[in-house]
Amino acid sequence: MNEIIPADRIEAEADDASGAHPLFRDAPRTVEFNKLRKRLMRNMREAIDKFGMVRPGERWLVAISGGKDSYGLLALLLDLKWRGLLPVELLACNLDQGQPNFPKHILPEFLDKHGIAHRIEYRDTYSIVTDKLPAGATYCSLCSRLRRGHLYRIAREEGCSALMLGHHREDTLETFFMNFFHGGKLAAMPPRLLNDDGDVEVLRPLIYCAEDDLARFAEAMAFPIIPCDLCGSQDGLQRNAMKAMLEGFEKTMPGRKDIMIRALGNVRPSHLLDPKLFDFAALSGGNS
């Protein structure tokens, strides 16, 4: 039987590097790194527990792009599983999308070195995106849809019930404000989402984790980062504007991001303007 271990024990055990996944063998032994690691583990554990992500015995496909966020997701999930806190099977997966000069050797070598079960899939979505969109267009949306479709397929082929993505606190807030300013709706990235076919869940365990924490974690762990040469090199994206706005808020009013991410879980439908969520017409005064 899988034991559910409380968060305070997770933090205590995180100080013991000898009990960690081999991926952490060369991790720093500093107090600062231990605090960072425990904070990320605590935030991830909160999301996993609060949103009921775990069903013991299932298999999860962990999407890994070579960026700091997906490396952090994989490392933290492996650490929780190593400690007996995550009763699921993990399979790392990289989708090589055919970007020019993509260093194909980095991820297989990293995953093999640390004995991490994985699948590398090649699909040239880059040519499809650049063929269908004019030069200078924003590739992110189409690229994401194509990538997600292949990852769903791979999850089915590998018997995985869920696809794990490395979206963090800032990704969620940026999406919320993009929808708010440009889409005319209140919506963000959900921690759990069922795909349209109803057979694969999308899970985001890092939803409460700060991007800065993940960047420091990736640097301390010396992950071999692979930059995105397709969409990451494009300037002027709406998301960049949202990121700059949020950074401005945080600089002038420290702690705003944490307050905003908590606000997304503290909704008052009666204080918004959507009659589908609250029956305003049914309200009546005491004298009616």
C-alpha atoms as a PDB file:
ATOM      1  CA  MET A   1       0.000   0.000   0.000  1.00  0.00           C
ATOM      2  CA  ASN A   2       1.277   3.512  -0.853  1.00  0.00           C
ATOM      3  CA  GLU A   3       1.702   5.714   2.180  1.00  0.00           C
ATOM      4  CA  ILE A   4       0.573   9.328   1.967  1.00  0.00           C
ATOM      5  CA  ILE A   5       3.336  11.234   3.726  1.00  0.00           C
ATOM      6  CA  PRO A   6       2.712  14.694   5.209  1.00  0.00           C
ATOM      7  CA  ALA A   7       4.411  17.799   3.858  1.00  0.00           C
ATOM      8  CA  ASP A   8       6.520  18.368   7.000  1.00  0.00           C
ATOM      9  CA  ARG A   9       8.122  14.952   6.552  1.00  0.00           C
ATOM     10  CA  ILE A  10       8.800  15.722   2.900  1.00  0.00           C
ATOM     11  CA  GLU A  11      10.710  18.831   3.952  1.00  0.00           C
ATOM     12  CA  ALA A  12      12.681  16.953   6.589  1.00  0.00           C
ATOM     13  CA  GLU A  13      13.646  14.215   4.154  1.00  0.00           C
ATOM     14  CA  ALA A  14      14.628  16.739   1.491  1.00  0.00           C
ATOM     15  CA  ASP A  15      17.665  17.633   3.613  1.00  0.00           C
ATOM     16  CA  ASP A  16      18.967  14.078   3.235  1.00  0.00           C
ATOM     17  CA  ALA A  17      20.600  13.972  -0.207  1.00  0.00           C
ATOM     18  CA  SER A  18      21.481  10.301   0.239  1.00  0.00           C
ATOM     19  CA  GLY A  19      17.770   9.478   0.098  1.00  0.00           C
ATOM     20  CA  ALA A  20      17.167  11.374  -3.118  1.00  0.00           C
ATOM     21  CA  HIS A  21      16.929  10.237  -6.713  1.00  0.00           C
ATOM     22  CA  PRO A  22      20.376   9.759  -8.350  1.00  0.00           C
ATOM     23  CA  LEU A  23      19.640  12.860 -10.418  1.00  0.00           C
ATOM     24  CA  PHE A  24      20.395  14.848  -7.236  1.00  0.00           C
ATOM     25  CA  ARG A  25      23.741  13.165  -6.588  1.00  0.00           C
ATOM     26  CA  ASP A  26      25.748  16.241  -7.621  1.00  0.00           C
ATOM     27  CA  ALA A  27      23.245  18.834  -6.381  1.00  0.00           C
ATOM     28  CA  PRO A  28      24.546  21.593  -4.091  1.00  0.00           C
ATOM     29  CA  ARG A  29      24.611  20.794  -0.370  1.00  0.00           C
ATOM     30  CA  THR A  30      23.974  24.389   0.674  1.00  0.00           C
ATOM     31  CA  VAL A  31      21.272  25.634   3.017  1.00  0.00           C
ATOM     32  CA  GLU A  32      20.050  27.960   0.257  1.00  0.00           C
ATOM     33  CA  PHE A  33      19.576  25.119  -2.223  1.00  0.00           C
ATOM     34  CA  ASN A  34      17.812  22.939   0.353  1.00  0.00           C
ATOM     35  CA  LYS A  35      15.361  25.763   1.055  1.00  0.00           C
ATOM     36  CA  LEU A  36      14.730  26.252  -2.661  1.00  0.00           C
ATOM     37  CA  ARG A  37      14.220  22.550  -3.262  1.00  0.00           C
ATOM     38  CA  LYS A  38      11.886  22.158  -0.295  1.00  0.00           C
ATOM     39  CA  ARG A  39       9.837  25.179  -1.389  1.00  0.00           C
ATOM     40  CA  LEU A  40       9.392  23.767  -4.883  1.00  0.00           C
ATOM     41  CA  MET A  41       8.501  20.338  -3.508  1.00  0.00           C
ATOM     42  CA  ARG A  42       6.021  21.860  -1.073  1.00  0.00           C
ATOM     43  CA  ASN A  43       4.364  23.940  -3.801  1.00  0.00           C
ATOM     44  CA  MET A  44       4.155  20.984  -6.154  1.00  0.00           C
ATOM     45  CA  ARG A  45       2.814  18.680  -3.460  1.00  0.00           C
ATOM     46  CA  GLU A  46       0.131  21.258  -2.619  1.00  0.00           C
ATOM     47  CA  ALA A  47      -1.055  21.316  -6.236  1.00  0.00           C
ATOM     48  CA  ILE A  48      -0.997  17.524  -6.541  1.00  0.00           C
ATOM     49  CA  ASP A  49      -3.031  17.103  -3.354  1.00  0.00           C
ATOM     50  CA  LYS A  50      -5.413  20.045  -3.745  1.00  0.00           C
ATOM     51  CA  PHE A  51      -6.457  19.104  -7.280  1.00  0.00           C
ATOM     52  CA  GLY A  52      -6.548  15.337  -6.740  1.00  0.00           C
ATOM     53  CA  MET A  53      -4.015  14.516  -9.431  1.00  0.00           C
ATOM     54  CA  VAL A  54      -2.850  11.129  -8.171  1.00  0.00           C
ATOM     55  CA  ARG A  55      -4.578   7.817  -8.770  1.00  0.00           C
ATOM     56  CA  PRO A  56      -2.170   5.107  -7.541  1.00  0.00           C
ATOM     57  CA  GLY A  57      -0.921   2.693 -10.163  1.00  0.00           C
ATOM     58  CA  GLU A  58      -1.388   4.970 -13.174  1.00  0.00           C
ATOM     59  CA  ARG A  59       1.307   5.928 -15.660  1.00  0.00           C
ATOM     60  CA  TRP A  60       2.227   9.553 -16.406  1.00  0.00           C
ATOM     61  CA  LEU A  61       3.894  10.903 -19.547  1.00  0.00           C
ATOM     62  CA  VAL A  62       6.210  13.756 -18.547  1.00  0.00           C
ATOM     63  CA  ALA A  63       6.774  16.126 -21.472  1.00  0.00           C
ATOM     64  CA  ILE A  64      10.350  17.375 -21.476  1.00  0.00           C
ATOM     65  CA  SER A  65      11.440  20.020 -23.959  1.00  0.00           C
ATOM     66  CA  GLY A  66      14.928  20.733 -22.670  1.00  0.00           C
ATOM     67  CA  GLY A  67      13.832  23.977 -21.012  1.00  0.00           C
ATOM     68  CA  LYS A  68      14.261  24.816 -17.334  1.00  0.00           C
ATOM     69  CA  ASP A  69      10.602  24.223 -16.435  1.00  0.00           C
ATOM     70  CA  SER A  70      10.274  20.723 -17.866  1.00  0.00           C
ATOM     71  CA  TYR A  71      13.627  19.677 -16.390  1.00  0.00           C
ATOM     72  CA  GLY A  72      12.444  20.947 -13.005  1.00  0.00           C
ATOM     73  CA  LEU A  73       9.116  19.132 -13.339  1.00  0.00           C
ATOM     74  CA  LEU A  74      10.807  15.846 -14.161  1.00  0.00           C
ATOM     75  CA  ALA A  75      13.390  16.151 -11.375  1.00  0.00           C
ATOM     76  CA  LEU A  76      10.836  17.007  -8.691  1.00  0.00           C
ATOM     77  CA  LEU A  77       8.457  14.228  -9.752  1.00  0.00           C
ATOM     78  CA  LEU A  78      11.310  11.718  -9.744  1.00  0.00           C
ATOM     79  CA  ASP A  79      12.364  12.918  -6.297  1.00  0.00           C
ATOM     80  CA  LEU A  80       8.849  12.495  -4.897  1.00  0.00           C
ATOM     81  CA  LYS A  81       8.579   9.040  -6.442  1.00  0.00           C
ATOM     82  CA  TRP A  82      12.030   8.037  -5.123  1.00  0.00           C
ATOM     83  CA  ARG A  83      10.878   8.953  -1.613  1.00  0.00           C
ATOM     84  CA  GLY A  84       7.755   6.821  -1.958  1.00  0.00           C
ATOM     85  CA  LEU A  85       5.457   9.833  -2.144  1.00  0.00           C
ATOM     86  CA  LEU A  86       4.204   9.436  -5.701  1.00  0.00           C
ATOM     87  CA  PRO A  87       2.599   6.035  -6.426  1.00  0.00           C
ATOM     88  CA  VAL A  88       2.618   6.316 -10.224  1.00  0.00           C
ATOM     89  CA  GLU A  89       4.966   5.277 -13.037  1.00  0.00           C
ATOM     90  CA  LEU A  90       6.799   8.049 -14.885  1.00  0.00           C
ATOM     91  CA  LEU A  91       7.879   8.093 -18.532  1.00  0.00           C
ATOM     92  CA  ALA A  92       9.784  11.123 -19.825  1.00  0.00           C
ATOM     93  CA  CYS A  93       9.085  12.104 -23.424  1.00  0.00           C
ATOM     94  CA  ASN A  94      10.722  14.574 -25.768  1.00  0.00           C
ATOM     95  CA  LEU A  95       9.084  15.510 -29.047  1.00  0.00           C
ATOM     96  CA  ASP A  96      11.784  16.577 -31.504  1.00  0.00           C
ATOM     97  CA  GLN A  97       9.842  18.965 -33.748  1.00  0.00           C
ATOM     98  CA  GLY A  98      12.504  19.392 -36.398  1.00  0.00           C
ATOM     99  CA  GLN A  99      13.720  22.874 -35.457  1.00  0.00           C
ATOM    100  CA  PRO A 100      16.940  23.813 -37.269  1.00  0.00           C
ATOM    101  CA  ASN A 101      20.092  23.022 -35.318  1.00  0.00           C
ATOM    102  CA  PHE A 102      18.190  21.198 -32.568  1.00  0.00           C
ATOM    103  CA  PRO A 103      20.843  19.310 -30.544  1.00  0.00           C
ATOM    104  CA  LYS A 104      19.314  15.837 -30.726  1.00  0.00           C
ATOM    105  CA  HIS A 105      21.930  14.214 -28.510  1.00  0.00           C
ATOM    106  CA  ILE A 106      21.456  16.302 -25.345  1.00  0.00           C
ATOM    107  CA  LEU A 107      18.226  14.887 -23.932  1.00  0.00           C
ATOM    108  CA  PRO A 108      18.861  11.189 -24.704  1.00  0.00           C
ATOM    109  CA  GLU A 109      22.324  11.462 -23.137  1.00  0.00           C
ATOM    110  CA  PHE A 110      20.948  13.226 -20.051  1.00  0.00           C
ATOM    111  CA  LEU A 111      18.112  10.744 -19.569  1.00  0.00           C
ATOM    112  CA  ASP A 112      20.349   7.707 -20.153  1.00  0.00           C
ATOM    113  CA  LYS A 113      22.993   9.041 -17.778  1.00  0.00           C
ATOM    114  CA  HIS A 114      20.489   9.242 -14.932  1.00  0.00           C
ATOM    115  CA  GLY A 115      18.665   6.004 -15.736  1.00  0.00           C
ATOM    116  CA  ILE A 116      15.374   7.756 -16.523  1.00  0.00           C
ATOM    117  CA  ALA A 117      12.831   5.820 -18.591  1.00  0.00           C
ATOM    118  CA  HIS A 118      12.058   7.828 -21.713  1.00  0.00           C
ATOM    119  CA  ARG A 119      10.832   7.978 -25.288  1.00  0.00           C
ATOM    120  CA  ILE A 120      12.205  10.302 -27.971  1.00  0.00           C
ATOM    121  CA  GLU A 121       9.800  10.997 -30.834  1.00  0.00           C
ATOM    122  CA  TYR A 122      10.657  12.805 -34.068  1.00  0.00           C
ATOM    123  CA  ARG A 123       7.900  14.690 -35.888  1.00  0.00           C
ATOM    124  CA  ASP A 124       8.694  17.588 -38.223  1.00  0.00           C
ATOM    125  CA  THR A 125       6.055  20.067 -37.077  1.00  0.00           C
ATOM    126  CA  TYR A 126       8.494  22.914 -37.736  1.00  0.00           C
ATOM    127  CA  SER A 127       8.051  22.595 -41.502  1.00  0.00           C
ATOM    128  CA  ILE A 128       4.266  22.524 -41.116  1.00  0.00           C
ATOM    129  CA  VAL A 129       4.237  25.683 -38.993  1.00  0.00           C
ATOM    130  CA  THR A 130       6.595  27.658 -41.219  1.00  0.00           C
ATOM    131  CA  ASP A 131       4.724  26.500 -44.350  1.00  0.00           C
ATOM    132  CA  LYS A 132       1.299  27.525 -43.097  1.00  0.00           C
ATOM    133  CA  LEU A 133       2.229  30.840 -41.436  1.00  0.00           C
ATOM    134  CA  PRO A 134       3.919  33.855 -43.045  1.00  0.00           C
ATOM    135  CA  ALA A 135       7.371  34.966 -41.949  1.00  0.00           C
ATOM    136  CA  GLY A 136       7.225  37.036 -38.781  1.00  0.00           C
ATOM    137  CA  ALA A 137       3.906  35.545 -37.645  1.00  0.00           C
ATOM    138  CA  THR A 138       3.461  34.226 -34.133  1.00  0.00           C
ATOM    139  CA  TYR A 139       4.088  30.489 -34.319  1.00  0.00           C
ATOM    140  CA  CYS A 140       3.301  29.604 -30.701  1.00  0.00           C
ATOM    141  CA  SER A 141      -0.385  28.698 -31.024  1.00  0.00           C
ATOM    142  CA  LEU A 142      -0.107  26.368 -34.034  1.00  0.00           C
ATOM    143  CA  CYS A 143       3.139  24.865 -32.784  1.00  0.00           C
ATOM    144  CA  SER A 144       1.528  24.139 -29.410  1.00  0.00           C
ATOM    145  CA  ARG A 145      -1.551  22.494 -30.970  1.00  0.00           C
ATOM    146  CA  LEU A 146       0.555  20.222 -33.169  1.00  0.00           C
ATOM    147  CA  ARG A 147       2.847  19.295 -30.291  1.00  0.00           C
ATOM    148  CA  ARG A 148      -0.056  18.578 -27.947  1.00  0.00           C
ATOM    149  CA  GLY A 149      -1.729  16.308 -30.506  1.00  0.00           C
ATOM    150  CA  HIS A 150       1.386  14.180 -30.838  1.00  0.00           C
ATOM    151  CA  LEU A 151       1.863  14.011 -27.075  1.00  0.00           C
ATOM    152  CA  TYR A 152      -1.733  12.786 -26.643  1.00  0.00           C
ATOM    153  CA  ARG A 153      -1.044  10.101 -29.225  1.00  0.00           C
ATOM    154  CA  ILE A 154       2.150   9.034 -27.497  1.00  0.00           C
ATOM    155  CA  ALA A 155       0.364   8.939 -24.128  1.00  0.00           C
ATOM    156  CA  ARG A 156      -2.206   6.544 -25.616  1.00  0.00           C
ATOM    157  CA  GLU A 157       0.468   4.369 -27.196  1.00  0.00           C
ATOM    158  CA  GLU A 158       2.388   4.160 -23.919  1.00  0.00           C
ATOM    159  CA  GLY A 159      -0.661   3.450 -21.759  1.00  0.00           C
ATOM    160  CA  CYS A 160      -0.387   6.767 -19.921  1.00  0.00           C
ATOM    161  CA  SER A 161      -3.505   8.285 -18.361  1.00  0.00           C
ATOM    162  CA  ALA A 162      -2.026  11.760 -17.967  1.00  0.00           C
ATOM    163  CA  LEU A 163       0.297  14.182 -19.722  1.00  0.00           C
ATOM    164  CA  MET A 164       2.420  16.240 -17.307  1.00  0.00           C
ATOM    165  CA  LEU A 165       3.351  19.769 -18.388  1.00  0.00           C
ATOM    166  CA  GLY A 166       5.785  22.176 -16.744  1.00  0.00           C
ATOM    167  CA  HIS A 167       3.628  25.306 -16.693  1.00  0.00           C
ATOM    168  CA  HIS A 168       4.286  27.378 -13.586  1.00  0.00           C
ATOM    169  CA  ARG A 169       2.771  30.285 -11.666  1.00  0.00           C
ATOM    170  CA  GLU A 170       3.816  32.955 -14.171  1.00  0.00           C
ATOM    171  CA  ASP A 171       2.508  30.959 -17.147  1.00  0.00           C
ATOM    172  CA  THR A 172      -0.879  30.804 -15.457  1.00  0.00           C
ATOM    173  CA  LEU A 173      -0.986  34.493 -14.586  1.00  0.00           C
ATOM    174  CA  GLU A 174       0.175  35.555 -18.042  1.00  0.00           C
ATOM    175  CA  THR A 175      -2.535  33.413 -19.633  1.00  0.00           C
ATOM    176  CA  PHE A 176      -5.149  34.919 -17.336  1.00  0.00           C
ATOM    177  CA  PHE A 177      -4.223  38.482 -18.300  1.00  0.00           C
ATOM    178  CA  MET A 178      -3.965  37.612 -21.999  1.00  0.00           C
ATOM    179  CA  ASN A 179      -7.536  36.300 -21.840  1.00  0.00           C
ATOM    180  CA  PHE A 180      -8.585  39.296 -19.744  1.00  0.00           C
ATOM    181  CA  PHE A 181      -7.096  41.960 -22.020  1.00  0.00           C
ATOM    182  CA  HIS A 182      -7.362  40.304 -25.443  1.00  0.00           C
ATOM    183  CA  GLY A 183      -9.944  37.507 -25.165  1.00  0.00           C
ATOM    184  CA  GLY A 184     -12.631  39.241 -23.130  1.00  0.00           C
ATOM    185  CA  LYS A 185     -12.927  36.364 -20.647  1.00  0.00           C
ATOM    186  CA  LEU A 186     -11.761  35.282 -17.222  1.00  0.00           C
ATOM    187  CA  ALA A 187      -9.735  32.107 -17.805  1.00  0.00           C
ATOM    188  CA  ALA A 188      -6.279  30.816 -16.991  1.00  0.00           C
ATOM    189  CA  MET A 189      -4.382  27.520 -17.249  1.00  0.00           C
ATOM    190  CA  PRO A 190      -6.237  24.892 -15.210  1.00  0.00           C
ATOM    191  CA  PRO A 191      -4.253  22.476 -13.026  1.00  0.00           C
ATOM    192  CA  ARG A 192      -6.251  19.572 -14.496  1.00  0.00           C
ATOM    193  CA  LEU A 193      -7.800  19.352 -17.940  1.00  0.00           C
ATOM    194  CA  LEU A 194      -9.369  16.472 -19.859  1.00  0.00           C
ATOM    195  CA  ASN A 195      -8.573  16.422 -23.573  1.00  0.00           C
ATOM    196  CA  ASP A 196     -11.347  16.636 -26.158  1.00  0.00           C
ATOM    197  CA  ASP A 197     -11.353  12.864 -26.699  1.00  0.00           C
ATOM    198  CA  GLY A 198     -11.794  12.304 -22.973  1.00  0.00           C
ATOM    199  CA  ASP A 199      -8.976   9.777 -22.642  1.00  0.00           C
ATOM    200  CA  VAL A 200      -5.911  11.774 -21.524  1.00  0.00           C
ATOM    201  CA  GLU A 201      -5.669  14.277 -18.691  1.00  0.00           C
ATOM    202  CA  VAL A 202      -3.342  17.258 -18.751  1.00  0.00           C
ATOM    203  CA  LEU A 203      -1.807  17.890 -15.319  1.00  0.00           C
ATOM    204  CA  ARG A 204       0.230  20.912 -14.238  1.00  0.00           C
ATOM    205  CA  PRO A 205       1.856  20.143 -10.867  1.00  0.00           C
ATOM    206  CA  LEU A 206       4.051  23.296 -10.960  1.00  0.00           C
ATOM    207  CA  ILE A 207       1.056  25.639 -11.030  1.00  0.00           C
ATOM    208  CA  TYR A 208       2.070  27.224  -7.675  1.00  0.00           C
ATOM    209  CA  CYS A 209       5.825  27.247  -8.367  1.00  0.00           C
ATOM    210  CA  ALA A 210       7.533  30.554  -9.153  1.00  0.00           C
ATOM    211  CA  GLU A 211       9.437  30.833 -12.426  1.00  0.00           C
ATOM    212  CA  ASP A 212      12.408  32.448 -10.672  1.00  0.00           C
ATOM    213  CA  ASP A 213      12.610  29.475  -8.303  1.00  0.00           C
ATOM    214  CA  LEU A 214      12.608  27.056 -11.236  1.00  0.00           C
ATOM    215  CA  ALA A 215      15.327  29.081 -12.978  1.00  0.00           C
ATOM    216  CA  ARG A 216      17.532  29.002  -9.873  1.00  0.00           C
ATOM    217  CA  PHE A 217      16.829  25.297  -9.441  1.00  0.00           C
ATOM    218  CA  ALA A 218      17.810  24.548 -13.049  1.00  0.00           C
ATOM    219  CA  GLU A 219      21.030  26.531 -12.689  1.00  0.00           C
ATOM    220  CA  ALA A 220      21.963  24.804  -9.420  1.00  0.00           C
ATOM    221  CA  MET A 221      21.236  21.380 -10.915  1.00  0.00           C
ATOM    222  CA  ALA A 222      23.270  22.258 -14.058  1.00  0.00           C
ATOM    223  CA  PHE A 223      20.563  21.012 -16.414  1.00  0.00           C
ATOM    224  CA  PRO A 224      21.690  21.103 -20.081  1.00  0.00           C
ATOM    225  CA  ILE A 225      19.195  23.722 -21.266  1.00  0.00           C
ATOM    226  CA  ILE A 226      18.065  23.701 -24.896  1.00  0.00           C
ATOM    227  CA  PRO A 227      16.646  27.062 -26.064  1.00  0.00           C
ATOM    228  CA  CYS A 228      13.582  27.214 -28.300  1.00  0.00           C
ATOM    229  CA  ASP A 229      14.683  28.535 -31.708  1.00  0.00           C
ATOM    230  CA  LEU A 230      11.180  28.475 -33.174  1.00  0.00           C
ATOM    231  CA  CYS A 231       8.850  30.564 -31.009  1.00  0.00           C
ATOM    232  CA  GLY A 232      11.200  31.631 -28.225  1.00  0.00           C
ATOM    233  CA  SER A 233      13.143  33.863 -30.606  1.00  0.00           C
ATOM    234  CA  GLN A 234      10.121  35.868 -31.723  1.00  0.00           C
ATOM    235  CA  ASP A 235       9.781  39.365 -30.283  1.00  0.00           C
ATOM    236  CA  GLY A 236       6.653  41.347 -29.501  1.00  0.00           C
ATOM    237  CA  LEU A 237       4.453  38.474 -28.408  1.00  0.00           C
ATOM    238  CA  GLN A 238       1.462  39.311 -26.249  1.00  0.00           C
ATOM    239  CA  ARG A 239       2.789  36.989 -23.580  1.00  0.00           C
ATOM    240  CA  ASN A 240       5.990  39.021 -23.316  1.00  0.00           C
ATOM    241  CA  ALA A 241       3.924  42.115 -22.631  1.00  0.00           C
ATOM    242  CA  MET A 242       2.006  40.314 -19.893  1.00  0.00           C
ATOM    243  CA  LYS A 243       5.261  39.068 -18.389  1.00  0.00           C
ATOM    244  CA  ALA A 244       6.684  42.588 -18.300  1.00  0.00           C
ATOM    245  CA  MET A 245       3.498  43.909 -16.706  1.00  0.00           C
ATOM    246  CA  LEU A 246       3.570  41.259 -13.980  1.00  0.00           C
ATOM    247  CA  GLU A 247       7.245  41.893 -13.302  1.00  0.00           C
ATOM    248  CA  GLY A 248       6.404  45.583 -12.895  1.00  0.00           C
ATOM    249  CA  PHE A 249       3.719  44.744 -10.353  1.00  0.00           C
ATOM    250  CA  GLU A 250       6.103  42.497  -8.426  1.00  0.00           C
ATOM    251  CA  LYS A 251       8.874  45.087  -8.407  1.00  0.00           C
ATOM    252  CA  THR A 252       6.703  47.895  -7.029  1.00  0.00           C
ATOM    253  CA  MET A 253       4.512  45.663  -4.834  1.00  0.00           C
ATOM    254  CA  PRO A 254       6.444  42.524  -3.801  1.00  0.00           C
ATOM    255  CA  GLY A 255       4.303  39.461  -3.248  1.00  0.00           C
ATOM    256  CA  ARG A 256       1.604  40.413  -5.781  1.00  0.00           C
ATOM    257  CA  LYS A 257       2.131  37.278  -7.887  1.00  0.00           C
ATOM    258  CA  ASP A 258       1.444  34.989  -4.951  1.00  0.00           C
ATOM    259  CA  ILE A 259      -1.690  36.958  -4.118  1.00  0.00           C
ATOM    260  CA  MET A 260      -2.882  36.819  -7.723  1.00  0.00           C
ATOM    261  CA  ILE A 261      -2.350  33.059  -8.096  1.00  0.00           C
ATOM    262  CA  ARG A 262      -4.317  32.493  -4.886  1.00  0.00           C
ATOM    263  CA  ALA A 263      -7.054  34.812  -6.164  1.00  0.00           C
ATOM    264  CA  LEU A 264      -7.620  32.447  -9.089  1.00  0.00           C
ATOM    265  CA  GLY A 265      -8.744  29.884  -6.517  1.00  0.00           C
ATOM    266  CA  ASN A 266     -10.940  32.299  -4.582  1.00  0.00           C
ATOM    267  CA  VAL A 267     -13.712  33.189  -7.031  1.00  0.00           C
ATOM    268  CA  ARG A 268     -16.920  34.984  -6.019  1.00  0.00           C
ATOM    269  CA  PRO A 269     -19.430  34.496  -8.883  1.00  0.00           C
ATOM    270  CA  SER A 270     -21.970  36.810  -7.211  1.00  0.00           C
ATOM    271  CA  HIS A 271     -19.461  39.666  -7.529  1.00  0.00           C
ATOM    272  CA  LEU A 272     -18.821  39.220 -11.229  1.00  0.00           C
ATOM    273  CA  LEU A 273     -21.073  39.870 -14.235  1.00  0.00           C
ATOM    274  CA  ASP A 274     -21.878  36.417 -15.585  1.00  0.00           C
ATOM    275  CA  PRO A 275     -25.529  35.345 -15.136  1.00  0.00           C
ATOM    276  CA  LYS A 276     -24.569  31.815 -16.199  1.00  0.00           C
ATOM    277  CA  LEU A 277     -22.576  31.505 -12.974  1.00  0.00           C
ATOM    278  CA  PHE A 278     -24.924  33.381 -10.658  1.00  0.00           C
ATOM    279  CA  ASP A 279     -28.675  33.882 -10.971  1.00  0.00           C
ATOM    280  CA  PHE A 280     -28.918  37.653 -10.524  1.00  0.00           C
ATOM    281  CA  ALA A 281     -32.521  37.622 -11.764  1.00  0.00           C
ATOM    282  CA  ALA A 282     -33.545  35.496  -8.787  1.00  0.00           C
ATOM    283  CA  LEU A 283     -32.356  38.091  -6.273  1.00  0.00           C
ATOM    284  CA  SER A 284     -35.123  39.868  -4.399  1.00  0.00           C
ATOM    285  CA  GLY A 285     -35.218  42.501  -1.689  1.00  0.00           C
ATOM    286  CA  GLY A 286     -36.664  41.914   1.748  1.00  0.00           C
ATOM    287  CA  ASN A 287     -39.850  43.880   0.900  1.00  0.00           C
ATOM    288  CA  SER A 288     -40.717  42.061  -2.334  1.00  0.00           C
END
